[in-house]
């Protein structure tokens, strides 16, 4: 299964820890015993997961005690190459706008095709330069 299909799968409303624990028929007390912590700590882990404040190392420990693999990854919304091209075009446009403004004031505005060619050329030059994301 491609990783991108996982983004459409919602997280269980009570979190993965609770969902897996319930599916295993394991109580919070039993998980706490396996982890060497108090039951309240397990419930705090579950609350922290739901509100997004759980630490990755905590999730890793819980997963291990639930006999689960812990997997962490980021899935780009589009190709990284496309993201870089979009940012380079954005930066090129920012750079060229003042020049275009002055050209309009002096009634020397270049043709649309020329402006697009300039934008594309500058964007390609910016791709491998520092400061692309600032």
Protein backbone atom coordinates (compact mmCIF):
# COMPACT_ATOMS: atom_id res chain seq x y z
CA UNK A 1 0.00 0.00 0.00
CA UNK A 2 1.47 3.42 -0.93
CA UNK A 3 2.09 5.66 2.06
CA UNK A 4 0.01 8.46 0.56
CA UNK A 5 -3.14 6.36 0.99
CA UNK A 6 -2.55 6.43 4.75
CA UNK A 7 -3.22 10.17 4.90
CA UNK A 8 -6.88 9.55 4.17
CA UNK A 9 -7.19 7.15 7.11
CA UNK A 10 -8.36 9.02 10.19
CA UNK A 11 -6.68 8.46 13.53
CA UNK A 12 -9.04 6.68 15.94
CA UNK A 13 -10.89 9.34 17.94
CA UNK A 14 -9.47 7.95 21.21
CA UNK A 15 -5.99 7.53 19.68
CA UNK A 16 -3.91 4.60 18.46
CA UNK A 17 -2.70 3.58 21.91
CA UNK A 18 -6.23 3.12 23.19
CA UNK A 19 -7.43 1.49 19.95
CA UNK A 20 -4.63 -1.10 19.96
CA UNK A 21 -4.94 -1.69 23.70
CA UNK A 22 -8.71 -2.23 23.37
CA UNK A 23 -8.26 -4.51 20.34
CA UNK A 24 -5.83 -6.62 22.38
CA UNK A 25 -8.23 -6.71 25.32
CA UNK A 26 -5.55 -5.09 27.48
CA UNK A 27 -6.54 -2.81 30.33
CA UNK A 28 -4.75 0.41 31.15
CA UNK A 29 -3.54 -1.26 34.33
CA UNK A 30 -2.06 -4.17 32.40
CA UNK A 31 -0.25 -1.87 29.99
CA UNK A 32 1.02 0.16 32.94
CA UNK A 33 2.40 -3.00 34.55
CA UNK A 34 4.14 -4.01 31.32
CA UNK A 35 5.70 -0.54 31.07
CA UNK A 36 6.61 -0.26 34.77
CA UNK A 37 4.50 2.87 35.30
CA UNK A 38 1.27 3.73 37.13
CA UNK A 39 -2.11 3.39 35.40
CA UNK A 40 -2.55 7.18 35.49
CA UNK A 41 0.60 7.53 33.41
CA UNK A 42 -0.86 5.30 30.68
CA UNK A 43 -4.02 7.41 30.64
CA UNK A 44 -1.88 10.54 30.39
CA UNK A 45 -0.05 8.98 27.42
CA UNK A 46 -3.42 8.34 25.77
CA UNK A 47 -4.60 11.92 26.41
CA UNK A 48 -1.32 13.34 25.13
CA UNK A 49 -1.58 11.28 21.96
CA UNK A 50 -5.10 12.54 21.27
CA UNK A 51 -4.16 16.19 21.85
CA UNK A 52 -0.93 15.84 19.83
CA UNK A 53 1.55 16.49 22.62
CA UNK A 54 2.93 12.98 23.13
CA UNK A 55 6.68 12.60 22.62
CA UNK A 56 7.97 10.28 19.92
CA UNK A 57 10.12 8.33 22.36
CA UNK A 58 7.02 7.74 24.52
CA UNK A 59 5.07 6.45 21.52
CA UNK A 60 8.00 4.18 20.69
CA UNK A 61 8.01 2.75 24.24
CA UNK A 62 4.24 2.25 24.25
CA UNK A 63 4.34 0.60 20.83
CA UNK A 64 7.03 -1.77 22.01
CA UNK A 65 4.94 -2.76 25.04
CA UNK A 66 1.91 -3.30 22.79
CA UNK A 67 4.06 -5.51 20.52
CA UNK A 68 3.71 -2.99 17.70
CA UNK A 69 6.20 -1.45 15.31
CA UNK A 70 6.53 2.29 15.68
CA UNK A 71 6.66 4.02 12.30
CA UNK A 72 7.21 7.74 11.86
CA UNK A 73 7.19 9.47 8.48
CA UNK A 74 6.26 12.64 6.65
CA UNK A 75 4.36 12.39 3.39
CA UNK A 76 4.85 15.32 1.00
CA UNK A 77 1.56 16.67 -0.37
CA UNK A 78 3.18 16.91 -3.81
CA UNK A 79 6.54 15.93 -5.22
CA UNK A 80 9.49 17.65 -3.57
CA UNK A 81 10.70 18.75 -7.00
CA UNK A 82 7.35 20.46 -7.64
CA UNK A 83 7.46 22.14 -4.21
CA UNK A 84 10.92 23.56 -4.97
CA UNK A 85 9.80 24.78 -8.42
CA UNK A 86 6.77 26.54 -6.92
CA UNK A 87 8.91 28.26 -4.29
CA UNK A 88 11.51 29.30 -6.87
CA UNK A 89 8.76 30.77 -9.07
CA UNK A 90 7.33 32.61 -6.05
CA UNK A 91 10.75 34.08 -5.23
CA UNK A 92 11.38 35.00 -8.87
CA UNK A 93 8.01 36.75 -9.04
CA UNK A 94 8.85 38.72 -5.86
CA UNK A 95 12.15 39.76 -7.44
CA UNK A 96 10.63 40.76 -10.78
CA UNK A 97 7.53 42.63 -9.52
CA UNK A 98 9.39 45.88 -8.68
CA UNK A 99 11.10 45.79 -12.09
CA UNK A 100 7.75 45.26 -13.83
CA UNK A 101 6.22 48.12 -11.82
CA UNK A 102 8.94 50.53 -12.94
CA UNK A 103 8.61 49.32 -16.52
CA UNK A 104 4.88 50.07 -16.44
CA UNK A 105 5.53 53.56 -15.07
CA UNK A 106 7.97 54.22 -17.90
CA UNK A 107 5.55 52.70 -20.43
CA UNK A 108 8.14 50.02 -21.31
CA UNK A 109 6.25 46.97 -20.13
CA UNK A 110 7.55 43.78 -21.78
CA UNK A 111 5.17 41.44 -23.58
CA UNK A 112 3.49 38.74 -21.51
CA UNK A 113 5.52 36.00 -23.21
CA UNK A 114 8.76 37.86 -22.39
CA UNK A 115 7.71 38.30 -18.76
CA UNK A 116 6.91 34.60 -18.47
CA UNK A 117 10.24 33.66 -20.02
CA UNK A 118 12.07 35.96 -17.58
CA UNK A 119 10.13 34.46 -14.67
CA UNK A 120 10.93 30.90 -15.74
CA UNK A 121 14.60 31.65 -16.31
CA UNK A 122 15.03 33.40 -12.96
CA UNK A 123 13.13 30.63 -11.14
CA UNK A 124 15.45 28.00 -12.62
CA UNK A 125 18.47 30.01 -11.45
CA UNK A 126 17.07 30.31 -7.92
CA UNK A 127 16.44 26.59 -7.45
CA UNK A 128 19.97 25.72 -6.32
CA UNK A 129 20.72 28.91 -4.40
CA UNK A 130 20.74 29.55 -0.69
CA UNK A 131 17.88 31.66 0.58
CA UNK A 132 15.22 30.00 -1.53
CA UNK A 133 13.04 29.49 1.55
CA UNK A 134 13.66 32.79 3.33
